[in-house]
């Protein structure tokens, strides 16, 4: 099973940015990320949750993301 999940997919955002952007913003809201927070997003993809989380953590906090998918 690990071999399957260790390979990058060919298309990182098959359903489009608008779809994931909506839910990324909602997730950051529900997580109640406060200014000054330090956020780690594992499997961040194109950043649909990472970017809203980082904006909520500003100005003294930040969000860091990592993903196997290139781009």
PDB file of N, CA and C in Angstrom:
ATOM      1  N   UNK A   1       0.817  -1.180   0.000  1.00  0.00           N
ATOM      2  CA  UNK A   1       0.000   0.000   0.000  1.00  0.00           C
ATOM      3  C   UNK A   1       0.869   1.255   0.000  1.00  0.00           C
ATOM      4  N   UNK A   2       1.986   1.251   0.696  1.00  0.00           N
ATOM      5  CA  UNK A   2       2.821   2.458   0.748  1.00  0.00           C
ATOM      6  C   UNK A   2       3.361   2.827  -0.631  1.00  0.00           C
ATOM      7  N   UNK A   3       3.592   1.821  -1.502  1.00  0.00           N
ATOM      8  CA  UNK A   3       4.056   2.124  -2.857  1.00  0.00           C
ATOM      9  C   UNK A   3       3.038   2.977  -3.602  1.00  0.00           C
ATOM     10  N   UNK A   4       1.767   2.667  -3.431  1.00  0.00           N
ATOM     11  CA  UNK A   4       0.698   3.407  -4.099  1.00  0.00           C
ATOM     12  C   UNK A   4       0.695   4.866  -3.649  1.00  0.00           C
ATOM     13  N   UNK A   5       0.785   5.119  -2.369  1.00  0.00           N
ATOM     14  CA  UNK A   5       0.705   6.485  -1.825  1.00  0.00           C
ATOM     15  C   UNK A   5       2.015   7.241  -1.948  1.00  0.00           C
ATOM     16  N   UNK A   6       3.088   6.567  -2.350  1.00  0.00           N
ATOM     17  CA  UNK A   6       4.380   7.229  -2.491  1.00  0.00           C
ATOM     18  C   UNK A   6       4.612   7.792  -3.893  1.00  0.00           C
ATOM     19  N   UNK A   7       3.649   7.625  -4.785  1.00  0.00           N
ATOM     20  CA  UNK A   7       3.803   8.105  -6.154  1.00  0.00           C
ATOM     21  C   UNK A   7       2.978   9.373  -6.357  1.00  0.00           C
ATOM     22  N   UNK A   8       3.598  10.395  -6.973  1.00  0.00           N
ATOM     23  CA  UNK A   8       2.812  11.600  -7.264  1.00  0.00           C
ATOM     24  C   UNK A   8       1.757  11.317  -8.331  1.00  0.00           C
ATOM     25  N   UNK A   9       0.645  12.003  -8.232  1.00  0.00           N
ATOM     26  CA  UNK A   9      -0.384  11.842  -9.250  1.00  0.00           C
ATOM     27  C   UNK A   9      -0.084  12.777 -10.408  1.00  0.00           C
ATOM     28  N   UNK A  10      -0.685  12.511 -11.576  1.00  0.00           N
ATOM     29  CA  UNK A  10      -0.404  13.316 -12.757  1.00  0.00           C
ATOM     30  C   UNK A  10      -1.112  14.662 -12.702  1.00  0.00           C
ATOM     31  N   UNK A  11      -2.283  14.704 -12.145  1.00  0.00           N
ATOM     32  CA  UNK A  11      -3.042  15.947 -12.073  1.00  0.00           C
ATOM     33  C   UNK A  11      -3.330  16.252 -10.615  1.00  0.00           C
ATOM     34  N   UNK A  12      -2.792  17.352 -10.111  1.00  0.00           N
ATOM     35  CA  UNK A  12      -2.866  17.648  -8.685  1.00  0.00           C
ATOM     36  C   UNK A  12      -4.197  18.228  -8.245  1.00  0.00           C
ATOM     37  N   UNK A  13      -4.942  18.818  -9.145  1.00  0.00           N
ATOM     38  CA  UNK A  13      -6.187  19.468  -8.765  1.00  0.00           C
ATOM     39  C   UNK A  13      -7.267  19.158  -9.802  1.00  0.00           C
ATOM     40  N   UNK A  14      -7.723  17.907  -9.850  1.00  0.00           N
ATOM     41  CA  UNK A  14      -8.628  17.498 -10.933  1.00  0.00           C
ATOM     42  C   UNK A  14      -9.996  18.167 -10.931  1.00  0.00           C
ATOM     43  N   UNK A  15     -10.460  18.690  -9.800  1.00  0.00           N
ATOM     44  CA  UNK A  15     -11.804  19.267  -9.768  1.00  0.00           C
ATOM     45  C   UNK A  15     -11.803  20.783  -9.844  1.00  0.00           C
ATOM     46  N   UNK A  16     -10.667  21.406  -9.864  1.00  0.00           N
ATOM     47  CA  UNK A  16     -10.598  22.858 -10.006  1.00  0.00           C
ATOM     48  C   UNK A  16     -10.421  23.588  -8.688  1.00  0.00           C
ATOM     49  N   UNK A  17      -9.819  24.763  -8.775  1.00  0.00           N
ATOM     50  CA  UNK A  17      -9.498  25.542  -7.575  1.00  0.00           C
ATOM     51  C   UNK A  17     -10.724  26.028  -6.821  1.00  0.00           C
ATOM     52  N   UNK A  18     -11.777  26.443  -7.514  1.00  0.00           N
ATOM     53  CA  UNK A  18     -12.947  26.997  -6.835  1.00  0.00           C
ATOM     54  C   UNK A  18     -13.556  26.009  -5.847  1.00  0.00           C
ATOM     55  N   UNK A  19     -13.645  24.757  -6.230  1.00  0.00           N
ATOM     56  CA  UNK A  19     -14.222  23.721  -5.367  1.00  0.00           C
ATOM     57  C   UNK A  19     -13.429  23.595  -4.070  1.00  0.00           C
ATOM     58  N   UNK A  20     -12.130  23.411  -4.191  1.00  0.00           N
ATOM     59  CA  UNK A  20     -11.295  23.200  -3.002  1.00  0.00           C
ATOM     60  C   UNK A  20     -11.095  24.470  -2.209  1.00  0.00           C
ATOM     61  N   UNK A  21     -11.069  25.625  -2.885  1.00  0.00           N
ATOM     62  CA  UNK A  21     -10.871  26.892  -2.179  1.00  0.00           C
ATOM     63  C   UNK A  21     -11.987  27.131  -1.161  1.00  0.00           C
ATOM     64  N   UNK A  22     -13.216  26.863  -1.537  1.00  0.00           N
ATOM     65  CA  UNK A  22     -14.353  27.055  -0.634  1.00  0.00           C
ATOM     66  C   UNK A  22     -14.161  26.234   0.645  1.00  0.00           C
ATOM     67  N   UNK A  23     -13.850  24.956   0.491  1.00  0.00           N
ATOM     68  CA  UNK A  23     -13.710  24.081   1.650  1.00  0.00           C
ATOM     69  C   UNK A  23     -12.430  24.373   2.441  1.00  0.00           C
ATOM     70  N   UNK A  24     -11.397  24.859   1.785  1.00  0.00           N
ATOM     71  CA  UNK A  24     -10.171  25.243   2.484  1.00  0.00           C
ATOM     72  C   UNK A  24     -10.419  26.397   3.439  1.00  0.00           C
ATOM     73  N   UNK A  25     -11.176  27.384   2.984  1.00  0.00           N
ATOM     74  CA  UNK A  25     -11.520  28.528   3.832  1.00  0.00           C
ATOM     75  C   UNK A  25     -12.382  28.063   5.005  1.00  0.00           C
ATOM     76  N   UNK A  26     -13.364  27.210   4.731  1.00  0.00           N
ATOM     77  CA  UNK A  26     -14.240  26.700   5.796  1.00  0.00           C
ATOM     78  C   UNK A  26     -13.450  25.890   6.824  1.00  0.00           C
ATOM     79  N   UNK A  27     -12.500  25.086   6.362  1.00  0.00           N
ATOM     80  CA  UNK A  27     -11.684  24.293   7.279  1.00  0.00           C
ATOM     81  C   UNK A  27     -10.848  25.196   8.185  1.00  0.00           C
ATOM     82  N   UNK A  28     -10.251  26.236   7.613  1.00  0.00           N
ATOM     83  CA  UNK A  28      -9.456  27.166   8.422  1.00  0.00           C
ATOM     84  C   UNK A  28     -10.338  27.874   9.448  1.00  0.00           C
ATOM     85  N   UNK A  29     -11.557  28.199   9.076  1.00  0.00           N
ATOM     86  CA  UNK A  29     -12.487  28.825  10.021  1.00  0.00           C
ATOM     87  C   UNK A  29     -12.835  27.866  11.157  1.00  0.00           C
ATOM     88  N   UNK A  30     -13.170  26.635  10.811  1.00  0.00           N
ATOM     89  CA  UNK A  30     -13.561  25.645  11.816  1.00  0.00           C
ATOM     90  C   UNK A  30     -12.411  25.284  12.745  1.00  0.00           C
ATOM     91  N   UNK A  31     -11.193  25.366  12.249  1.00  0.00           N
ATOM     92  CA  UNK A  31     -10.021  25.054  13.076  1.00  0.00           C
ATOM     93  C   UNK A  31      -9.717  26.174  14.071  1.00  0.00           C
ATOM     94  N   UNK A  32     -10.389  27.296  13.919  1.00  0.00           N
ATOM     95  CA  UNK A  32     -10.226  28.446  14.825  1.00  0.00           C
ATOM     96  C   UNK A  32      -8.757  28.848  14.951  1.00  0.00           C
ATOM     97  N   UNK A  33      -8.095  28.977  13.819  1.00  0.00           N
ATOM     98  CA  UNK A  33      -6.690  29.382  13.806  1.00  0.00           C
ATOM     99  C   UNK A  33      -6.608  30.854  14.213  1.00  0.00           C
ATOM    100  N   UNK A  34      -5.836  31.115  15.228  1.00  0.00           N
ATOM    101  CA  UNK A  34      -5.717  32.463  15.778  1.00  0.00           C
ATOM    102  C   UNK A  34      -4.444  33.144  15.271  1.00  0.00           C
ATOM    103  N   UNK A  35      -4.412  34.478  15.278  1.00  0.00           N
ATOM    104  CA  UNK A  35      -3.177  35.172  14.938  1.00  0.00           C
ATOM    105  C   UNK A  35      -2.033  34.686  15.835  1.00  0.00           C
ATOM    106  N   UNK A  36      -0.886  34.463  15.223  1.00  0.00           N
ATOM    107  CA  UNK A  36       0.271  33.959  15.961  1.00  0.00           C
ATOM    108  C   UNK A  36       0.410  32.446  15.923  1.00  0.00           C
ATOM    109  N   UNK A  37      -0.579  31.743  15.353  1.00  0.00           N
ATOM    110  CA  UNK A  37      -0.526  30.277  15.295  1.00  0.00           C
ATOM    111  C   UNK A  37       0.559  29.814  14.323  1.00  0.00           C
ATOM    112  N   UNK A  38       1.057  28.625  14.577  1.00  0.00           N
ATOM    113  CA  UNK A  38       1.997  27.963  13.679  1.00  0.00           C
ATOM    114  C   UNK A  38       1.290  26.718  13.162  1.00  0.00           C
ATOM    115  N   UNK A  39       1.044  26.675  11.859  1.00  0.00           N
ATOM    116  CA  UNK A  39       0.235  25.628  11.244  1.00  0.00           C
ATOM    117  C   UNK A  39       1.115  24.769  10.347  1.00  0.00           C
ATOM    118  N   UNK A  40       0.952  23.443  10.421  1.00  0.00           N
ATOM    119  CA  UNK A  40       1.638  22.506   9.532  1.00  0.00           C
ATOM    120  C   UNK A  40       0.578  21.734   8.769  1.00  0.00           C
ATOM    121  N   UNK A  41       0.603  21.825   7.451  1.00  0.00           N
ATOM    122  CA  UNK A  41      -0.356  21.146   6.585  1.00  0.00           C
ATOM    123  C   UNK A  41       0.376  20.071   5.798  1.00  0.00           C
ATOM    124  N   UNK A  42       0.177  18.816   6.186  1.00  0.00           N
ATOM    125  CA  UNK A  42       0.792  17.680   5.500  1.00  0.00           C
ATOM    126  C   UNK A  42      -0.170  17.224   4.412  1.00  0.00           C
ATOM    127  N   UNK A  43       0.309  17.172   3.188  1.00  0.00           N
ATOM    128  CA  UNK A  43      -0.555  16.823   2.060  1.00  0.00           C
ATOM    129  C   UNK A  43      -1.362  18.036   1.617  1.00  0.00           C
ATOM    130  N   UNK A  44      -0.698  19.184   1.532  1.00  0.00           N
ATOM    131  CA  UNK A  44      -1.392  20.453   1.287  1.00  0.00           C
ATOM    132  C   UNK A  44      -1.872  20.633  -0.148  1.00  0.00           C
ATOM    133  N   UNK A  45      -1.418  19.788  -1.060  1.00  0.00           N
ATOM    134  CA  UNK A  45      -1.841  19.935  -2.450  1.00  0.00           C
ATOM    135  C   UNK A  45      -1.470  21.303  -2.980  1.00  0.00           C
ATOM    136  N   UNK A  46      -2.430  21.984  -3.573  1.00  0.00           N
ATOM    137  CA  UNK A  46      -2.164  23.308  -4.147  1.00  0.00           C
ATOM    138  C   UNK A  46      -2.351  24.429  -3.132  1.00  0.00           C
ATOM    139  N   UNK A  47      -2.631  24.100  -1.888  1.00  0.00           N
ATOM    140  CA  UNK A  47      -2.693  25.105  -0.837  1.00  0.00           C
ATOM    141  C   UNK A  47      -4.072  25.632  -0.503  1.00  0.00           C
ATOM    142  N   UNK A  48      -5.112  24.898  -0.889  1.00  0.00           N
ATOM    143  CA  UNK A  48      -6.477  25.389  -0.660  1.00  0.00           C
ATOM    144  C   UNK A  48      -6.802  25.562   0.826  1.00  0.00           C
ATOM    145  N   UNK A  49      -6.175  24.793   1.685  1.00  0.00           N
ATOM    146  CA  UNK A  49      -6.342  24.975   3.134  1.00  0.00           C
ATOM    147  C   UNK A  49      -5.160  25.735   3.728  1.00  0.00           C
ATOM    148  N   UNK A  50      -3.994  25.536   3.155  1.00  0.00           N
ATOM    149  CA  UNK A  50      -2.768  26.152   3.654  1.00  0.00           C
ATOM    150  C   UNK A  50      -2.827  27.674   3.585  1.00  0.00           C
ATOM    151  N   UNK A  51      -3.251  28.209   2.474  1.00  0.00           N
ATOM    152  CA  UNK A  51      -3.263  29.663   2.291  1.00  0.00           C
ATOM    153  C   UNK A  51      -4.254  30.341   3.237  1.00  0.00           C
ATOM    154  N   UNK A  52      -5.504  29.861   3.346  1.00  0.00           N
ATOM    155  CA  UNK A  52      -6.405  30.475   4.327  1.00  0.00           C
ATOM    156  C   UNK A  52      -5.896  30.332   5.769  1.00  0.00           C
ATOM    157  N   UNK A  53      -5.252  29.221   6.078  1.00  0.00           N
ATOM    158  CA  UNK A  53      -4.701  29.030   7.423  1.00  0.00           C
ATOM    159  C   UNK A  53      -3.604  30.053   7.688  1.00  0.00           C
ATOM    160  N   UNK A  54      -2.747  30.270   6.713  1.00  0.00           N
ATOM    161  CA  UNK A  54      -1.683  31.254   6.858  1.00  0.00           C
ATOM    162  C   UNK A  54      -2.214  32.664   7.032  1.00  0.00           C
ATOM    163  N   UNK A  55      -3.263  32.990   6.307  1.00  0.00           N
ATOM    164  CA  UNK A  55      -3.864  34.320   6.428  1.00  0.00           C
ATOM    165  C   UNK A  55      -4.466  34.534   7.811  1.00  0.00           C
ATOM    166  N   UNK A  56      -5.063  33.477   8.363  1.00  0.00           N
ATOM    167  CA  UNK A  56      -5.650  33.595   9.705  1.00  0.00           C
ATOM    168  C   UNK A  56      -4.558  33.686  10.772  1.00  0.00           C
ATOM    169  N   UNK A  57      -3.383  33.113  10.525  1.00  0.00           N
ATOM    170  CA  UNK A  57      -2.280  33.124  11.491  1.00  0.00           C
ATOM    171  C   UNK A  57      -1.493  34.438  11.470  1.00  0.00           C
ATOM    172  N   UNK A  58      -1.666  35.224  10.432  1.00  0.00           N
ATOM    173  CA  UNK A  58      -0.937  36.501  10.337  1.00  0.00           C
ATOM    174  C   UNK A  58      -1.328  37.438  11.463  1.00  0.00           C
ATOM    175  N   UNK A  59      -0.539  38.394  11.831  1.00  0.00           N
ATOM    176  CA  UNK A  59       0.734  38.795  11.235  1.00  0.00           C
ATOM    177  C   UNK A  59       1.958  38.130  11.875  1.00  0.00           C
ATOM    178  N   UNK A  60       1.798  37.498  13.018  1.00  0.00           N
ATOM    179  CA  UNK A  60       2.972  36.936  13.699  1.00  0.00           C
ATOM    180  C   UNK A  60       3.093  35.427  13.556  1.00  0.00           C
ATOM    181  N   UNK A  61       2.068  34.767  13.033  1.00  0.00           N
ATOM    182  CA  UNK A  61       2.121  33.320  12.829  1.00  0.00           C
ATOM    183  C   UNK A  61       2.370  32.987  11.373  1.00  0.00           C
ATOM    184  N   UNK A  62       2.356  31.691  11.061  1.00  0.00           N
ATOM    185  CA  UNK A  62       2.601  31.258   9.697  1.00  0.00           C
ATOM    186  C   UNK A  62       2.046  29.862   9.463  1.00  0.00           C
ATOM    187  N   UNK A  63       1.987  29.474   8.208  1.00  0.00           N
ATOM    188  CA  UNK A  63       1.569  28.122   7.827  1.00  0.00           C
ATOM    189  C   UNK A  63       2.630  27.551   6.899  1.00  0.00           C
ATOM    190  N   UNK A  64       2.998  26.301   7.136  1.00  0.00           N
ATOM    191  CA  UNK A  64       3.971  25.587   6.320  1.00  0.00           C
ATOM    192  C   UNK A  64       3.283  24.364   5.742  1.00  0.00           C
ATOM    193  N   UNK A  65       3.482  24.119   4.456  1.00  0.00           N
ATOM    194  CA  UNK A  65       2.850  22.967   3.820  1.00  0.00           C
ATOM    195  C   UNK A  65       3.845  22.112   3.068  1.00  0.00           C
ATOM    196  N   UNK A  66       3.524  20.822   2.963  1.00  0.00           N
ATOM    197  CA  UNK A  66       4.345  19.876   2.217  1.00  0.00           C
ATOM    198  C   UNK A  66       3.417  18.908   1.487  1.00  0.00           C
ATOM    199  N   UNK A  67       3.815  18.551   0.263  1.00  0.00           N
ATOM    200  CA  UNK A  67       3.005  17.634  -0.523  1.00  0.00           C
ATOM    201  C   UNK A  67       3.908  16.883  -1.488  1.00  0.00           C
ATOM    202  N   UNK A  68       3.528  15.670  -1.829  1.00  0.00           N
ATOM    203  CA  UNK A  68       4.311  14.865  -2.767  1.00  0.00           C
ATOM    204  C   UNK A  68       4.039  15.293  -4.209  1.00  0.00           C
ATOM    205  N   UNK A  69       2.938  15.929  -4.436  1.00  0.00           N
ATOM    206  CA  UNK A  69       2.541  16.330  -5.790  1.00  0.00           C
ATOM    207  C   UNK A  69       3.382  17.517  -6.264  1.00  0.00           C
ATOM    208  N   UNK A  70       4.010  17.427  -7.424  1.00  0.00           N
ATOM    209  CA  UNK A  70       4.799  18.557  -7.902  1.00  0.00           C
ATOM    210  C   UNK A  70       3.925  19.748  -8.271  1.00  0.00           C
ATOM    211  N   UNK A  71       4.457  20.947  -8.068  1.00  0.00           N
ATOM    212  CA  UNK A  71       3.744  22.161  -8.450  1.00  0.00           C
ATOM    213  C   UNK A  71       2.876  22.618  -7.352  1.00  0.00           C
TER     214      UNK A  71
END
